[in-house]
């Protein structure tokens, strides 16, 4: 399952996703991963949530990011949920690439039974194809 939390900058998406990650840790049985483009949220997360600062890795495109996530999954078959904060800050994508990334990550989610929660800063109307992921 893939859940999208979309909204304008400053609308509380990061607080929401951090809260969801901490709650998932309490109720879940598997490992939780939180991916961000900087370390700001790291100190608000429970220490058992694996925090990944993507800026430390040479990941620039949507395909590289998908490969990075698949690498995490191949290294740990106990991953239950992956949280990605500010996908468009983490990796720059066009709207077309963003839609394609969500479709491909949905395939990964189904195949490996991993839930993804992704936040997206979006000032205008969300692409129609992403509405089905929206919370």
N, C-alpha and C. Protein backbone atom coordinates (compact mmCIF):
# COMPACT_ATOMS: atom_id res chain seq x y z
N UNK A 1 0.85 -1.18 0.00
CA UNK A 1 0.00 0.00 0.00
C UNK A 1 0.89 1.24 0.00
N UNK A 2 0.47 2.23 -0.73
CA UNK A 2 1.18 3.51 -0.80
C UNK A 2 0.21 4.61 -0.40
N UNK A 3 0.61 5.40 0.58
CA UNK A 3 -0.20 6.51 1.05
C UNK A 3 0.54 7.81 0.79
N UNK A 4 -0.15 8.76 0.20
CA UNK A 4 0.42 10.07 -0.10
C UNK A 4 -0.20 11.12 0.82
N UNK A 5 0.66 11.88 1.48
CA UNK A 5 0.23 13.02 2.27
C UNK A 5 0.71 14.25 1.51
N UNK A 6 -0.20 14.93 0.84
CA UNK A 6 0.18 16.07 0.00
C UNK A 6 -0.41 17.36 0.55
N UNK A 7 0.30 18.44 0.35
CA UNK A 7 -0.19 19.74 0.77
C UNK A 7 0.85 20.81 0.55
N UNK A 8 0.47 22.01 0.90
CA UNK A 8 1.37 23.15 0.73
C UNK A 8 2.48 23.10 1.77
N UNK A 9 3.57 23.76 1.45
CA UNK A 9 4.70 23.85 2.37
C UNK A 9 4.23 24.51 3.67
N UNK A 10 4.63 23.91 4.79
CA UNK A 10 4.27 24.46 6.09
C UNK A 10 2.92 24.00 6.62
N UNK A 11 2.32 23.01 5.97
CA UNK A 11 0.99 22.56 6.40
C UNK A 11 1.03 21.41 7.43
N UNK A 12 2.21 21.04 7.92
CA UNK A 12 2.31 20.03 8.96
C UNK A 12 2.54 18.61 8.49
N UNK A 13 2.93 18.44 7.24
CA UNK A 13 3.13 17.09 6.70
C UNK A 13 4.27 16.34 7.40
N UNK A 14 5.36 17.05 7.68
CA UNK A 14 6.50 16.39 8.33
C UNK A 14 6.14 15.94 9.73
N UNK A 15 5.46 16.79 10.49
CA UNK A 15 5.03 16.39 11.83
C UNK A 15 4.13 15.16 11.75
N UNK A 16 3.24 15.15 10.77
CA UNK A 16 2.32 14.04 10.59
C UNK A 16 3.06 12.73 10.27
N UNK A 17 4.02 12.79 9.36
CA UNK A 17 4.71 11.56 8.96
C UNK A 17 5.64 11.06 10.08
N UNK A 18 6.25 11.98 10.83
CA UNK A 18 7.07 11.57 11.97
C UNK A 18 6.20 10.89 13.02
N UNK A 19 5.04 11.45 13.28
CA UNK A 19 4.11 10.85 14.24
C UNK A 19 3.69 9.46 13.78
N UNK A 20 3.38 9.32 12.48
CA UNK A 20 2.98 8.02 11.94
C UNK A 20 4.12 6.99 12.06
N UNK A 21 5.34 7.43 11.83
CA UNK A 21 6.48 6.51 11.93
C UNK A 21 6.66 6.03 13.37
N UNK A 22 6.56 6.95 14.32
CA UNK A 22 6.70 6.57 15.73
C UNK A 22 5.56 5.66 16.18
N UNK A 23 4.35 5.94 15.74
CA UNK A 23 3.20 5.09 16.08
C UNK A 23 3.33 3.71 15.44
N UNK A 24 3.82 3.67 14.20
CA UNK A 24 3.97 2.39 13.51
C UNK A 24 4.97 1.50 14.23
N UNK A 25 5.98 2.10 14.80
CA UNK A 25 6.98 1.35 15.54
C UNK A 25 6.36 0.68 16.76
N UNK A 26 5.45 1.38 17.42
CA UNK A 26 4.79 0.84 18.61
C UNK A 26 3.87 -0.33 18.29
N UNK A 27 3.18 -0.25 17.15
CA UNK A 27 2.19 -1.26 16.82
C UNK A 27 2.69 -2.30 15.82
N UNK A 28 3.81 -2.04 15.17
CA UNK A 28 4.29 -2.93 14.12
C UNK A 28 5.18 -4.05 14.64
N UNK A 29 5.39 -5.00 13.77
CA UNK A 29 6.24 -6.13 14.11
C UNK A 29 7.55 -6.10 13.33
N UNK A 30 7.57 -5.36 12.22
CA UNK A 30 8.75 -5.31 11.37
C UNK A 30 9.55 -4.04 11.57
N UNK A 31 10.53 -3.84 10.70
CA UNK A 31 11.40 -2.67 10.76
C UNK A 31 10.77 -1.49 10.03
N UNK A 32 11.08 -0.31 10.53
CA UNK A 32 10.59 0.93 9.94
C UNK A 32 11.78 1.75 9.45
N UNK A 33 11.64 2.33 8.26
CA UNK A 33 12.69 3.17 7.70
C UNK A 33 12.09 4.53 7.39
N UNK A 34 12.83 5.58 7.72
CA UNK A 34 12.41 6.95 7.45
C UNK A 34 13.48 7.59 6.58
N UNK A 35 13.09 8.01 5.37
CA UNK A 35 14.03 8.61 4.42
C UNK A 35 13.70 10.10 4.29
N UNK A 36 14.74 10.93 4.41
CA UNK A 36 14.57 12.37 4.30
C UNK A 36 15.78 12.95 3.56
N UNK A 37 15.69 14.22 3.20
CA UNK A 37 16.79 14.86 2.47
C UNK A 37 17.74 15.62 3.39
N UNK A 38 17.47 15.60 4.69
CA UNK A 38 18.34 16.23 5.68
C UNK A 38 18.07 15.57 7.04
N UNK A 39 18.71 16.07 8.07
CA UNK A 39 18.62 15.42 9.38
C UNK A 39 17.61 16.07 10.33
N UNK A 40 16.81 17.01 9.86
CA UNK A 40 15.90 17.74 10.75
C UNK A 40 14.95 16.84 11.53
N UNK A 41 14.38 15.84 10.90
CA UNK A 41 13.38 14.99 11.57
C UNK A 41 14.01 13.89 12.41
N UNK A 42 15.30 13.68 12.26
CA UNK A 42 15.98 12.57 12.92
C UNK A 42 15.78 12.58 14.43
N UNK A 43 15.82 13.74 15.03
CA UNK A 43 15.75 13.82 16.49
C UNK A 43 14.33 13.68 17.04
N UNK A 44 13.34 13.75 16.18
CA UNK A 44 11.96 13.56 16.60
C UNK A 44 11.50 12.11 16.47
N UNK A 45 12.29 11.31 15.80
CA UNK A 45 11.95 9.90 15.59
C UNK A 45 12.49 9.05 16.73
N UNK A 46 11.75 7.99 17.05
CA UNK A 46 12.23 7.01 18.03
C UNK A 46 13.53 6.41 17.49
N UNK A 47 14.45 6.08 18.37
CA UNK A 47 15.75 5.59 17.93
C UNK A 47 15.69 4.23 17.21
N UNK A 48 14.60 3.51 17.32
CA UNK A 48 14.47 2.23 16.61
C UNK A 48 13.98 2.38 15.17
N UNK A 49 13.56 3.58 14.79
CA UNK A 49 13.21 3.84 13.39
C UNK A 49 14.53 4.12 12.67
N UNK A 50 14.81 3.34 11.65
CA UNK A 50 16.07 3.54 10.91
C UNK A 50 15.95 4.80 10.08
N UNK A 51 16.81 5.77 10.37
CA UNK A 51 16.78 7.05 9.67
C UNK A 51 17.83 7.05 8.56
N UNK A 52 17.42 7.48 7.36
CA UNK A 52 18.33 7.57 6.22
C UNK A 52 18.29 9.00 5.70
N UNK A 53 19.45 9.67 5.73
CA UNK A 53 19.59 10.99 5.15
C UNK A 53 20.06 10.79 3.71
N UNK A 54 19.15 10.92 2.77
CA UNK A 54 19.45 10.62 1.37
C UNK A 54 20.51 11.55 0.79
N UNK A 55 20.70 12.72 1.39
CA UNK A 55 21.71 13.65 0.87
C UNK A 55 23.12 13.09 1.02
N UNK A 56 23.30 12.05 1.82
CA UNK A 56 24.61 11.43 2.00
C UNK A 56 24.94 10.44 0.88
N UNK A 57 24.00 10.20 -0.01
CA UNK A 57 24.18 9.23 -1.08
C UNK A 57 24.04 9.92 -2.44
N UNK A 58 24.71 9.39 -3.47
CA UNK A 58 24.65 10.02 -4.80
C UNK A 58 23.39 9.64 -5.58
N UNK A 59 22.23 9.92 -5.00
CA UNK A 59 20.95 9.60 -5.63
C UNK A 59 20.35 10.90 -6.16
N UNK A 60 20.14 10.98 -7.46
CA UNK A 60 19.64 12.23 -8.07
C UNK A 60 18.33 12.06 -8.84
N UNK A 61 18.13 10.90 -9.44
CA UNK A 61 16.95 10.71 -10.29
C UNK A 61 15.93 9.79 -9.63
N UNK A 62 14.73 9.78 -10.20
CA UNK A 62 13.67 8.92 -9.67
C UNK A 62 14.04 7.45 -9.81
N UNK A 63 14.71 7.08 -10.90
CA UNK A 63 15.13 5.68 -11.09
C UNK A 63 16.20 5.29 -10.07
N UNK A 64 17.14 6.20 -9.81
CA UNK A 64 18.16 5.93 -8.81
C UNK A 64 17.52 5.78 -7.42
N UNK A 65 16.53 6.60 -7.14
CA UNK A 65 15.85 6.53 -5.84
C UNK A 65 15.10 5.21 -5.70
N UNK A 66 14.44 4.78 -6.75
CA UNK A 66 13.75 3.49 -6.72
C UNK A 66 14.76 2.36 -6.49
N UNK A 67 15.90 2.43 -7.17
CA UNK A 67 16.95 1.44 -6.98
C UNK A 67 17.50 1.46 -5.55
N UNK A 68 17.63 2.64 -4.99
CA UNK A 68 18.10 2.79 -3.61
C UNK A 68 17.13 2.10 -2.65
N UNK A 69 15.84 2.33 -2.85
CA UNK A 69 14.83 1.69 -2.00
C UNK A 69 14.86 0.17 -2.16
N UNK A 70 15.00 -0.29 -3.40
CA UNK A 70 15.08 -1.74 -3.63
C UNK A 70 16.31 -2.32 -2.95
N UNK A 71 17.42 -1.56 -2.91
CA UNK A 71 18.61 -2.00 -2.20
C UNK A 71 18.36 -2.14 -0.71
N UNK A 72 17.62 -1.18 -0.13
CA UNK A 72 17.27 -1.28 1.29
C UNK A 72 16.45 -2.54 1.55
N UNK A 73 15.49 -2.78 0.67
CA UNK A 73 14.60 -3.94 0.83
C UNK A 73 15.39 -5.25 0.68
N UNK A 74 16.29 -5.29 -0.28
CA UNK A 74 17.05 -6.53 -0.49
C UNK A 74 17.99 -6.83 0.68
N UNK A 75 18.33 -5.82 1.44
CA UNK A 75 19.21 -5.99 2.59
C UNK A 75 18.45 -6.35 3.87
N UNK A 76 17.13 -6.13 3.87
CA UNK A 76 16.36 -6.33 5.09
C UNK A 76 14.95 -6.79 4.74
N UNK A 77 14.71 -8.08 4.83
CA UNK A 77 13.39 -8.63 4.49
C UNK A 77 12.35 -8.42 5.58
N UNK A 78 12.73 -7.78 6.68
CA UNK A 78 11.80 -7.52 7.76
C UNK A 78 11.23 -6.11 7.74
N UNK A 79 11.44 -5.38 6.65
CA UNK A 79 10.90 -4.02 6.56
C UNK A 79 9.39 -4.09 6.43
N UNK A 80 8.71 -3.37 7.31
CA UNK A 80 7.25 -3.32 7.29
C UNK A 80 6.75 -2.03 6.63
N UNK A 81 7.42 -0.91 6.95
CA UNK A 81 7.00 0.39 6.41
C UNK A 81 8.20 1.24 6.07
N UNK A 82 8.06 2.00 4.99
CA UNK A 82 9.06 2.97 4.60
C UNK A 82 8.37 4.32 4.49
N UNK A 83 8.91 5.30 5.19
CA UNK A 83 8.39 6.66 5.20
C UNK A 83 9.35 7.54 4.41
N UNK A 84 8.81 8.32 3.48
CA UNK A 84 9.63 9.23 2.68
C UNK A 84 9.08 10.63 2.86
N UNK A 85 9.88 11.51 3.46
CA UNK A 85 9.44 12.88 3.69
C UNK A 85 9.89 13.77 2.53
N UNK A 86 8.96 14.54 2.02
CA UNK A 86 9.23 15.54 0.97
C UNK A 86 9.91 14.93 -0.25
N UNK A 87 9.21 14.06 -0.92
CA UNK A 87 9.76 13.34 -2.07
C UNK A 87 10.37 14.28 -3.11
N UNK A 88 9.76 15.43 -3.34
CA UNK A 88 10.28 16.34 -4.37
C UNK A 88 11.52 17.10 -3.89
N UNK A 89 11.76 17.17 -2.59
CA UNK A 89 13.01 17.74 -2.08
C UNK A 89 14.10 16.69 -2.10
N UNK A 90 13.70 15.46 -1.86
CA UNK A 90 14.64 14.35 -1.81
C UNK A 90 15.23 14.07 -3.18
N UNK A 91 14.37 14.00 -4.19
CA UNK A 91 14.78 13.76 -5.57
C UNK A 91 13.95 14.66 -6.48
N UNK A 92 14.61 15.40 -7.34
CA UNK A 92 13.90 16.28 -8.27
C UNK A 92 13.30 15.45 -9.39
N UNK A 93 11.98 15.66 -9.63
CA UNK A 93 11.27 14.92 -10.67
C UNK A 93 10.28 15.84 -11.35
N UNK A 94 9.99 15.52 -12.60
CA UNK A 94 8.89 16.18 -13.29
C UNK A 94 7.60 15.53 -12.80
N UNK A 95 6.45 16.12 -13.11
CA UNK A 95 5.17 15.50 -12.72
C UNK A 95 5.03 14.11 -13.33
N UNK A 96 5.45 13.96 -14.59
CA UNK A 96 5.38 12.65 -15.26
C UNK A 96 6.23 11.62 -14.52
N UNK A 97 7.45 12.00 -14.17
CA UNK A 97 8.34 11.09 -13.44
C UNK A 97 7.77 10.75 -12.07
N UNK A 98 7.15 11.73 -11.42
CA UNK A 98 6.55 11.52 -10.11
C UNK A 98 5.44 10.48 -10.18
N UNK A 99 4.57 10.60 -11.16
CA UNK A 99 3.48 9.64 -11.34
C UNK A 99 4.05 8.25 -11.62
N UNK A 100 5.04 8.17 -12.49
CA UNK A 100 5.66 6.89 -12.81
C UNK A 100 6.33 6.29 -11.56
N UNK A 101 6.99 7.12 -10.75
CA UNK A 101 7.64 6.64 -9.53
C UNK A 101 6.60 6.05 -8.59
N UNK A 102 5.48 6.73 -8.41
CA UNK A 102 4.43 6.21 -7.52
C UNK A 102 3.87 4.89 -8.04
N UNK A 103 3.69 4.77 -9.34
CA UNK A 103 3.20 3.51 -9.90
C UNK A 103 4.19 2.37 -9.66
N UNK A 104 5.46 2.66 -9.83
CA UNK A 104 6.49 1.63 -9.64
C UNK A 104 6.66 1.28 -8.16
N UNK A 105 6.58 2.27 -7.30
CA UNK A 105 6.72 1.99 -5.87
C UNK A 105 5.52 1.20 -5.36
N UNK A 106 4.37 1.40 -6.00
CA UNK A 106 3.19 0.59 -5.65
C UNK A 106 3.43 -0.87 -6.00
N UNK A 107 4.07 -1.14 -7.12
CA UNK A 107 4.41 -2.52 -7.50
C UNK A 107 5.34 -3.14 -6.46
N UNK A 108 6.34 -2.38 -6.03
CA UNK A 108 7.28 -2.86 -5.01
C UNK A 108 6.54 -3.13 -3.70
N UNK A 109 5.65 -2.22 -3.33
CA UNK A 109 4.89 -2.36 -2.08
C UNK A 109 4.08 -3.66 -2.10
N UNK A 110 3.43 -3.94 -3.20
CA UNK A 110 2.62 -5.16 -3.31
C UNK A 110 3.49 -6.41 -3.28
N UNK A 111 4.57 -6.38 -4.04
CA UNK A 111 5.42 -7.56 -4.16
C UNK A 111 6.06 -7.94 -2.83
N UNK A 112 6.51 -6.94 -2.08
CA UNK A 112 7.23 -7.23 -0.84
C UNK A 112 6.40 -6.96 0.41
N UNK A 113 5.13 -6.65 0.23
CA UNK A 113 4.20 -6.40 1.33
C UNK A 113 4.75 -5.36 2.30
N UNK A 114 5.15 -4.23 1.72
CA UNK A 114 5.68 -3.10 2.49
C UNK A 114 4.75 -1.92 2.28
N UNK A 115 4.46 -1.22 3.36
CA UNK A 115 3.64 -0.01 3.25
C UNK A 115 4.56 1.20 3.11
N UNK A 116 4.22 2.06 2.17
CA UNK A 116 4.96 3.30 1.95
C UNK A 116 4.07 4.47 2.34
N UNK A 117 4.65 5.43 3.05
CA UNK A 117 3.97 6.68 3.37
C UNK A 117 4.89 7.78 2.86
N UNK A 118 4.36 8.62 1.97
CA UNK A 118 5.18 9.62 1.30
C UNK A 118 4.53 10.99 1.44
N UNK A 119 5.34 12.00 1.78
CA UNK A 119 4.81 13.37 1.79
C UNK A 119 5.29 14.09 0.54
N UNK A 120 4.46 15.04 0.12
CA UNK A 120 4.73 15.79 -1.11
C UNK A 120 4.29 17.23 -0.94
N UNK A 121 5.23 18.15 -1.11
CA UNK A 121 4.88 19.57 -1.15
C UNK A 121 4.32 19.85 -2.54
N UNK A 122 3.09 20.29 -2.58
CA UNK A 122 2.48 20.58 -3.87
C UNK A 122 1.60 21.81 -3.73
N UNK A 123 1.99 22.88 -4.38
CA UNK A 123 1.32 24.16 -4.24
C UNK A 123 0.07 24.27 -5.13
N UNK A 124 0.07 23.58 -6.25
CA UNK A 124 -1.08 23.66 -7.16
C UNK A 124 -1.88 22.36 -7.08
N UNK A 125 -2.68 22.10 -8.10
CA UNK A 125 -3.48 20.87 -8.12
C UNK A 125 -2.57 19.66 -8.30
N UNK A 126 -2.87 18.64 -7.54
CA UNK A 126 -2.14 17.38 -7.61
C UNK A 126 -2.47 16.70 -8.94
N UNK A 127 -1.49 16.07 -9.59
CA UNK A 127 -1.80 15.33 -10.82
C UNK A 127 -2.90 14.30 -10.55
N UNK A 128 -3.84 14.22 -11.44
CA UNK A 128 -5.00 13.33 -11.28
C UNK A 128 -4.59 11.90 -10.96
N UNK A 129 -3.52 11.42 -11.58
CA UNK A 129 -3.09 10.03 -11.38
C UNK A 129 -2.61 9.75 -9.95
N UNK A 130 -2.32 10.79 -9.18
CA UNK A 130 -1.84 10.59 -7.80
C UNK A 130 -2.97 10.63 -6.77
N UNK A 131 -4.14 11.06 -7.18
CA UNK A 131 -5.26 11.17 -6.23
C UNK A 131 -5.61 9.86 -5.55
N UNK A 132 -5.39 8.75 -6.24
CA UNK A 132 -5.73 7.44 -5.65
C UNK A 132 -4.82 7.07 -4.49
N UNK A 133 -3.66 7.72 -4.38
CA UNK A 133 -2.74 7.46 -3.28
C UNK A 133 -2.97 8.40 -2.10
N UNK A 134 -3.72 9.46 -2.33
CA UNK A 134 -3.85 10.52 -1.34
C UNK A 134 -4.63 10.05 -0.12
N UNK A 135 -4.12 10.48 1.03
CA UNK A 135 -4.75 10.17 2.31
C UNK A 135 -6.03 10.94 2.48
